[in-house]
Amino acid sequence: MAIKRGSKVEVGFSSSSMTDLIFLLLLFMMLSTTLINPNAVKLTLPQSSNQIKDKAATSVSITPDLHYYLDKEPIAFDQLEAALQTRLQGQEKPVVSLHADETVPVGEVVKVMNIARKNKFQLFMATRPE
């Protein structure tokens, strides 16, 4: 007499839930990597053996194609002085950090230095360690 089982075990594997999980992980990774550094200005800073640990209240960046950025937001040079004055208004010791690419002409750096001197801002030049 042959006895048969009443329930059969299905050997198949459903990968639909695994696909959903991988899609969600991929979506999470894509979104989180764009939020890490969304508005970075890419500069090659000059090298220096001296590094200052002071924290600047605001930063001015000059790219190789002579575009100016105030705290990573594009700004025209003729509006830079007024924007710095309003941003640093009321601070006891206003400090500005200058991030200029090493290929930027010295004349452009001096323009920003003159703005800082005229308004009595303390100016630091950002460099990368040697």
C-alpha atoms as a PDB file:
ATOM      1  CA  MET A   1       0.000   0.000   0.000  1.00  0.00           C
ATOM      2  CA  ALA A   2       1.468   3.321  -1.093  1.00  0.00           C
ATOM      3  CA  ILE A   3       1.061   6.230   1.309  1.00  0.00           C
ATOM      4  CA  LYS A   4       1.115   9.679  -0.281  1.00  0.00           C
ATOM      5  CA  ARG A   5       1.752  12.923   1.509  1.00  0.00           C
ATOM      6  CA  GLY A   6      -1.171  15.302   1.688  1.00  0.00           C
ATOM      7  CA  SER A   7       0.885  18.504   1.328  1.00  0.00           C
ATOM      8  CA  LYS A   8       3.587  19.129  -1.199  1.00  0.00           C
ATOM      9  CA  VAL A   9       6.603  21.314  -0.436  1.00  0.00           C
ATOM     10  CA  GLU A  10       7.247  23.870  -3.173  1.00  0.00           C
ATOM     11  CA  VAL A  11      10.912  24.168  -4.046  1.00  0.00           C
ATOM     12  CA  GLY A  12      10.671  27.578  -5.805  1.00  0.00           C
ATOM     13  CA  PHE A  13      12.132  30.843  -4.454  1.00  0.00           C
ATOM     14  CA  SER A  14      10.378  34.196  -4.758  1.00  0.00           C
ATOM     15  CA  SER A  15      12.857  37.002  -5.244  1.00  0.00           C
ATOM     16  CA  SER A  16      10.330  39.855  -5.438  1.00  0.00           C
ATOM     17  CA  SER A  17      10.830  40.918  -1.808  1.00  0.00           C
ATOM     18  CA  MET A  18      14.620  40.802  -2.261  1.00  0.00           C
ATOM     19  CA  THR A  19      14.333  42.991  -5.359  1.00  0.00           C
ATOM     20  CA  ASP A  20      12.278  45.549  -3.441  1.00  0.00           C
ATOM     21  CA  LEU A  21      14.844  45.621  -0.653  1.00  0.00           C
ATOM     22  CA  ILE A  22      17.760  46.143  -3.054  1.00  0.00           C
ATOM     23  CA  PHE A  23      15.862  48.903  -4.864  1.00  0.00           C
ATOM     24  CA  LEU A  24      15.200  50.720  -1.572  1.00  0.00           C
ATOM     25  CA  LEU A  25      18.858  50.416  -0.541  1.00  0.00           C
ATOM     26  CA  LEU A  26      19.997  51.740  -3.901  1.00  0.00           C
ATOM     27  CA  LEU A  27      17.593  54.671  -3.661  1.00  0.00           C
ATOM     28  CA  PHE A  28      18.776  55.453  -0.126  1.00  0.00           C
ATOM     29  CA  MET A  29      22.438  55.398  -1.171  1.00  0.00           C
ATOM     30  CA  MET A  30      21.836  57.654  -4.163  1.00  0.00           C
ATOM     31  CA  LEU A  31      19.988  60.222  -2.058  1.00  0.00           C
ATOM     32  CA  SER A  32      22.417  60.174   0.845  1.00  0.00           C
ATOM     33  CA  THR A  33      25.495  60.644  -1.362  1.00  0.00           C
ATOM     34  CA  THR A  34      24.007  63.738  -2.986  1.00  0.00           C
ATOM     35  CA  LEU A  35      23.276  65.248   0.428  1.00  0.00           C
ATOM     36  CA  ILE A  36      26.791  64.755   1.777  1.00  0.00           C
ATOM     37  CA  ASN A  37      28.408  67.636  -0.115  1.00  0.00           C
ATOM     38  CA  PRO A  38      25.855  69.244  -2.439  1.00  0.00           C
ATOM     39  CA  ASN A  39      27.463  72.628  -3.115  1.00  0.00           C
ATOM     40  CA  ALA A  40      31.182  72.059  -2.826  1.00  0.00           C
ATOM     41  CA  VAL A  41      33.469  74.437  -4.697  1.00  0.00           C
ATOM     42  CA  LYS A  42      36.403  72.403  -5.986  1.00  0.00           C
ATOM     43  CA  LEU A  43      39.665  74.247  -5.443  1.00  0.00           C
ATOM     44  CA  THR A  44      43.302  73.253  -5.305  1.00  0.00           C
ATOM     45  CA  LEU A  45      44.561  75.297  -2.382  1.00  0.00           C
ATOM     46  CA  PRO A  46      48.208  76.311  -2.143  1.00  0.00           C
ATOM     47  CA  GLN A  47      50.389  74.312   0.254  1.00  0.00           C
ATOM     48  CA  SER A  48      51.654  75.707   3.538  1.00  0.00           C
ATOM     49  CA  SER A  49      53.390  74.370   6.628  1.00  0.00           C
ATOM     50  CA  ASN A  50      51.391  76.701   8.915  1.00  0.00           C
ATOM     51  CA  GLN A  51      47.798  75.795   9.707  1.00  0.00           C
ATOM     52  CA  ILE A  52      45.457  77.971  11.791  1.00  0.00           C
ATOM     53  CA  LYS A  53      42.792  76.309  13.900  1.00  0.00           C
ATOM     54  CA  ASP A  54      40.538  79.402  14.194  1.00  0.00           C
ATOM     55  CA  LYS A  55      37.029  79.106  12.818  1.00  0.00           C
ATOM     56  CA  ALA A  56      36.014  81.817  10.361  1.00  0.00           C
ATOM     57  CA  ALA A  57      32.544  83.317  10.481  1.00  0.00           C
ATOM     58  CA  THR A  58      32.281  83.297   6.701  1.00  0.00           C
ATOM     59  CA  SER A  59      34.358  82.229   3.704  1.00  0.00           C
ATOM     60  CA  VAL A  60      35.070  83.662   0.282  1.00  0.00           C
ATOM     61  CA  SER A  61      36.132  81.299  -2.513  1.00  0.00           C
ATOM     62  CA  ILE A  62      37.704  82.202  -5.853  1.00  0.00           C
ATOM     63  CA  THR A  63      37.694  79.542  -8.578  1.00  0.00           C
ATOM     64  CA  PRO A  64      40.278  79.278 -11.391  1.00  0.00           C
ATOM     65  CA  ASP A  65      37.787  80.813 -13.832  1.00  0.00           C
ATOM     66  CA  LEU A  66      37.491  83.826 -11.444  1.00  0.00           C
ATOM     67  CA  HIS A  67      34.015  83.140 -10.081  1.00  0.00           C
ATOM     68  CA  TYR A  68      33.416  84.290  -6.525  1.00  0.00           C
ATOM     69  CA  TYR A  69      31.482  82.371  -3.880  1.00  0.00           C
ATOM     70  CA  LEU A  70      30.360  83.581  -0.465  1.00  0.00           C
ATOM     71  CA  ASP A  71      29.838  80.547   1.769  1.00  0.00           C
ATOM     72  CA  LYS A  72      29.455  78.315  -1.323  1.00  0.00           C
ATOM     73  CA  GLU A  73      26.847  80.590  -2.928  1.00  0.00           C
ATOM     74  CA  PRO A  74      27.810  82.346  -6.187  1.00  0.00           C
ATOM     75  CA  ILE A  75      28.171  86.119  -5.912  1.00  0.00           C
ATOM     76  CA  ALA A  76      29.373  88.893  -8.216  1.00  0.00           C
ATOM     77  CA  PHE A  77      32.550  90.670  -7.103  1.00  0.00           C
ATOM     78  CA  ASP A  78      30.851  94.077  -7.014  1.00  0.00           C
ATOM     79  CA  GLN A  79      28.293  92.706  -4.499  1.00  0.00           C
ATOM     80  CA  LEU A  80      30.882  90.939  -2.338  1.00  0.00           C
ATOM     81  CA  GLU A  81      31.767  93.863  -0.045  1.00  0.00           C
ATOM     82  CA  ALA A  82      28.142  94.709   0.776  1.00  0.00           C
ATOM     83  CA  ALA A  83      27.310  91.041   1.398  1.00  0.00           C
ATOM     84  CA  LEU A  84      30.300  90.648   3.728  1.00  0.00           C
ATOM     85  CA  GLN A  85      29.330  93.786   5.632  1.00  0.00           C
ATOM     86  CA  THR A  86      25.769  92.586   6.216  1.00  0.00           C
ATOM     87  CA  ARG A  87      26.865  89.052   7.102  1.00  0.00           C
ATOM     88  CA  LEU A  88      29.537  90.168   9.599  1.00  0.00           C
ATOM     89  CA  GLN A  89      27.607  93.100  11.037  1.00  0.00           C
ATOM     90  CA  GLY A  90      27.569  93.207  14.831  1.00  0.00           C
ATOM     91  CA  GLN A  91      30.439  90.765  15.343  1.00  0.00           C
ATOM     92  CA  GLU A  92      33.187  91.833  17.721  1.00  0.00           C
ATOM     93  CA  LYS A  93      36.045  90.317  15.682  1.00  0.00           C
ATOM     94  CA  PRO A  94      34.774  89.511  12.184  1.00  0.00           C
ATOM     95  CA  VAL A  95      36.862  86.766  10.580  1.00  0.00           C
ATOM     96  CA  VAL A  96      36.851  85.867   6.874  1.00  0.00           C
ATOM     97  CA  SER A  97      38.493  82.785   5.413  1.00  0.00           C
ATOM     98  CA  LEU A  98      39.765  83.202   1.845  1.00  0.00           C
ATOM     99  CA  HIS A  99      39.826  80.044  -0.289  1.00  0.00           C
ATOM    100  CA  ALA A 100      41.588  80.801  -3.562  1.00  0.00           C
ATOM    101  CA  ASP A 101      42.751  78.215  -6.086  1.00  0.00           C
ATOM    102  CA  GLU A 102      46.513  78.202  -6.521  1.00  0.00           C
ATOM    103  CA  THR A 103      46.106  79.226 -10.181  1.00  0.00           C
ATOM    104  CA  VAL A 104      44.141  82.395  -9.361  1.00  0.00           C
ATOM    105  CA  PRO A 105      46.124  85.558 -10.167  1.00  0.00           C
ATOM    106  CA  VAL A 106      47.460  87.395  -7.119  1.00  0.00           C
ATOM    107  CA  GLY A 107      45.576  90.532  -8.166  1.00  0.00           C
ATOM    108  CA  GLU A 108      42.230  88.823  -7.538  1.00  0.00           C
ATOM    109  CA  VAL A 109      43.347  87.731  -4.066  1.00  0.00           C
ATOM    110  CA  VAL A 110      44.546  91.255  -3.294  1.00  0.00           C
ATOM    111  CA  LYS A 111      41.119  92.662  -4.223  1.00  0.00           C
ATOM    112  CA  VAL A 112      39.496  90.553  -1.502  1.00  0.00           C
ATOM    113  CA  MET A 113      42.300  91.452   0.925  1.00  0.00           C
ATOM    114  CA  ASN A 114      41.647  95.147   0.277  1.00  0.00           C
ATOM    115  CA  ILE A 115      37.950  94.673   1.063  1.00  0.00           C
ATOM    116  CA  ALA A 116      38.872  92.984   4.350  1.00  0.00           C
ATOM    117  CA  ARG A 117      41.406  95.682   5.272  1.00  0.00           C
ATOM    118  CA  LYS A 118      39.017  98.516   4.437  1.00  0.00           C
ATOM    119  CA  ASN A 119      36.269  97.031   6.612  1.00  0.00           C
ATOM    120  CA  LYS A 120      38.668  95.903   9.388  1.00  0.00           C
ATOM    121  CA  PHE A 121      37.887  92.201   8.910  1.00  0.00           C
ATOM    122  CA  GLN A 122      40.473  89.677   9.996  1.00  0.00           C
ATOM    123  CA  LEU A 123      41.402  87.592   6.941  1.00  0.00           C
ATOM    124  CA  PHE A 124      42.877  84.095   6.818  1.00  0.00           C
ATOM    125  CA  MET A 125      44.130  82.457   3.648  1.00  0.00           C
ATOM    126  CA  ALA A 126      43.091  78.808   3.509  1.00  0.00           C
ATOM    127  CA  THR A 127      45.852  76.378   2.537  1.00  0.00           C
ATOM    128  CA  ARG A 128      46.374  72.633   2.459  1.00  0.00           C
ATOM    129  CA  PRO A 129      49.078  71.002   4.542  1.00  0.00           C
ATOM    130  CA  GLU A 130      52.414  70.132   2.936  1.00  0.00           C
END
